[in-house]
Amino acid sequence: MATYEFPPMLIDAQNELDQVRADLRALFERVPWSVEPMDAWETHENAWRPASRPASPGWDPEDAAEIARLRAREL
């Protein structure tokens, strides 16, 4: 079985991408489910798959800016 030496620059880039994605995941778990303020909702009683969401105050501008920064870095 062959082994390959990956360039350190490529390894560093992959590690940074992993960190950015971990930061995004942690931030998404903390912020409300909706970017903009939205009322609570739930499906009607005869829905095939009942679902609901609580009211969302929307994202703080600081959180939105951080998410935009991390998404740009991810790309």
C-alpha atoms as a PDB file:
ATOM      1  CA  MET A   1       0.000   0.000   0.000  1.00  0.00           C
ATOM      2  CA  ALA A   2       1.436   3.349  -1.032  1.00  0.00           C
ATOM      3  CA  THR A   3       1.678   6.274   1.345  1.00  0.00           C
ATOM      4  CA  TYR A   4       1.747   9.860   0.214  1.00  0.00           C
ATOM      5  CA  GLU A   5       3.228  12.996   1.685  1.00  0.00           C
ATOM      6  CA  PHE A   6       0.680  15.768   1.503  1.00  0.00           C
ATOM      7  CA  PRO A   7       2.030  19.312   1.304  1.00  0.00           C
ATOM      8  CA  PRO A   8       1.937  21.042   4.708  1.00  0.00           C
ATOM      9  CA  MET A   9       0.048  23.948   3.115  1.00  0.00           C
ATOM     10  CA  LEU A  10      -2.754  21.554   2.080  1.00  0.00           C
ATOM     11  CA  ILE A  11      -2.910  20.004   5.541  1.00  0.00           C
ATOM     12  CA  ASP A  12      -3.054  23.471   7.143  1.00  0.00           C
ATOM     13  CA  ALA A  13      -5.857  24.510   4.786  1.00  0.00           C
ATOM     14  CA  GLN A  14      -7.871  21.376   5.629  1.00  0.00           C
ATOM     15  CA  ASN A  15      -7.378  21.947   9.361  1.00  0.00           C
ATOM     16  CA  GLU A  16      -8.527  25.547   9.013  1.00  0.00           C
ATOM     17  CA  LEU A  17     -11.606  24.449   7.039  1.00  0.00           C
ATOM     18  CA  ASP A  18     -12.454  21.903   9.736  1.00  0.00           C
ATOM     19  CA  GLN A  19     -12.170  24.633  12.395  1.00  0.00           C
ATOM     20  CA  VAL A  20     -14.324  27.088  10.446  1.00  0.00           C
ATOM     21  CA  ARG A  21     -17.017  24.437   9.993  1.00  0.00           C
ATOM     22  CA  ALA A  22     -16.899  23.572  13.701  1.00  0.00           C
ATOM     23  CA  ASP A  23     -17.265  27.269  14.577  1.00  0.00           C
ATOM     24  CA  LEU A  24     -20.218  27.590  12.194  1.00  0.00           C
ATOM     25  CA  ARG A  25     -21.888  24.496  13.637  1.00  0.00           C
ATOM     26  CA  ALA A  26     -21.512  25.836  17.199  1.00  0.00           C
ATOM     27  CA  LEU A  27     -22.894  29.217  16.176  1.00  0.00           C
ATOM     28  CA  PHE A  28     -25.878  27.689  14.348  1.00  0.00           C
ATOM     29  CA  GLU A  29     -26.731  25.686  17.471  1.00  0.00           C
ATOM     30  CA  ARG A  30     -26.763  28.893  19.542  1.00  0.00           C
ATOM     31  CA  VAL A  31     -28.710  31.298  17.309  1.00  0.00           C
ATOM     32  CA  PRO A  32     -32.527  31.190  16.886  1.00  0.00           C
ATOM     33  CA  TRP A  33     -33.935  29.010  14.113  1.00  0.00           C
ATOM     34  CA  SER A  34     -34.980  31.975  11.944  1.00  0.00           C
ATOM     35  CA  VAL A  35     -32.740  34.730  10.597  1.00  0.00           C
ATOM     36  CA  GLU A  36     -35.604  37.231  10.738  1.00  0.00           C
ATOM     37  CA  PRO A  37     -38.184  37.560  13.532  1.00  0.00           C
ATOM     38  CA  MET A  38     -41.005  35.072  12.967  1.00  0.00           C
ATOM     39  CA  ASP A  39     -44.103  34.009  14.861  1.00  0.00           C
ATOM     40  CA  ALA A  40     -44.471  30.542  16.320  1.00  0.00           C
ATOM     41  CA  TRP A  41     -46.222  27.981  14.115  1.00  0.00           C
ATOM     42  CA  GLU A  42     -47.384  24.400  14.048  1.00  0.00           C
ATOM     43  CA  THR A  43     -48.977  22.142  11.479  1.00  0.00           C
ATOM     44  CA  HIS A  44     -52.701  21.469  11.505  1.00  0.00           C
ATOM     45  CA  GLU A  45     -54.105  18.560  13.475  1.00  0.00           C
ATOM     46  CA  ASN A  46     -54.462  16.250  10.438  1.00  0.00           C
ATOM     47  CA  ALA A  47     -50.920  16.744   9.191  1.00  0.00           C
ATOM     48  CA  TRP A  48     -49.121  13.616   8.078  1.00  0.00           C
ATOM     49  CA  ARG A  49     -46.057  14.712  10.019  1.00  0.00           C
ATOM     50  CA  PRO A  50     -46.802  17.169  12.815  1.00  0.00           C
ATOM     51  CA  ALA A  51     -44.213  19.901  13.283  1.00  0.00           C
ATOM     52  CA  SER A  52     -43.893  23.154  15.158  1.00  0.00           C
ATOM     53  CA  ARG A  53     -41.449  25.959  15.876  1.00  0.00           C
ATOM     54  CA  PRO A  54     -41.378  28.461  18.739  1.00  0.00           C
ATOM     55  CA  ALA A  55     -41.377  32.196  18.041  1.00  0.00           C
ATOM     56  CA  SER A  56     -37.993  33.456  16.869  1.00  0.00           C
ATOM     57  CA  PRO A  57     -36.603  36.890  17.689  1.00  0.00           C
ATOM     58  CA  GLY A  58     -34.246  36.582  14.711  1.00  0.00           C
ATOM     59  CA  TRP A  59     -30.471  36.757  14.670  1.00  0.00           C
ATOM     60  CA  ASP A  60     -28.502  39.538  16.322  1.00  0.00           C
ATOM     61  CA  PRO A  61     -26.593  41.678  13.809  1.00  0.00           C
ATOM     62  CA  GLU A  62     -23.320  40.542  15.416  1.00  0.00           C
ATOM     63  CA  ASP A  63     -24.244  36.879  14.972  1.00  0.00           C
ATOM     64  CA  ALA A  64     -25.318  37.477  11.372  1.00  0.00           C
ATOM     65  CA  ALA A  65     -22.022  39.254  10.640  1.00  0.00           C
ATOM     66  CA  GLU A  66     -20.008  36.433  12.227  1.00  0.00           C
ATOM     67  CA  ILE A  67     -21.915  33.795  10.245  1.00  0.00           C
ATOM     68  CA  ALA A  68     -21.351  35.748   7.020  1.00  0.00           C
ATOM     69  CA  ARG A  69     -17.632  36.042   7.828  1.00  0.00           C
ATOM     70  CA  LEU A  70     -17.303  32.320   8.563  1.00  0.00           C
ATOM     71  CA  ARG A  71     -19.265  31.328   5.444  1.00  0.00           C
ATOM     72  CA  ALA A  72     -17.009  33.527   3.306  1.00  0.00           C
ATOM     73  CA  ARG A  73     -13.946  31.972   4.935  1.00  0.00           C
ATOM     74  CA  GLU A  74     -15.368  28.500   4.305  1.00  0.00           C
ATOM     75  CA  LEU A  75     -15.702  29.242   0.605  1.00  0.00           C
END
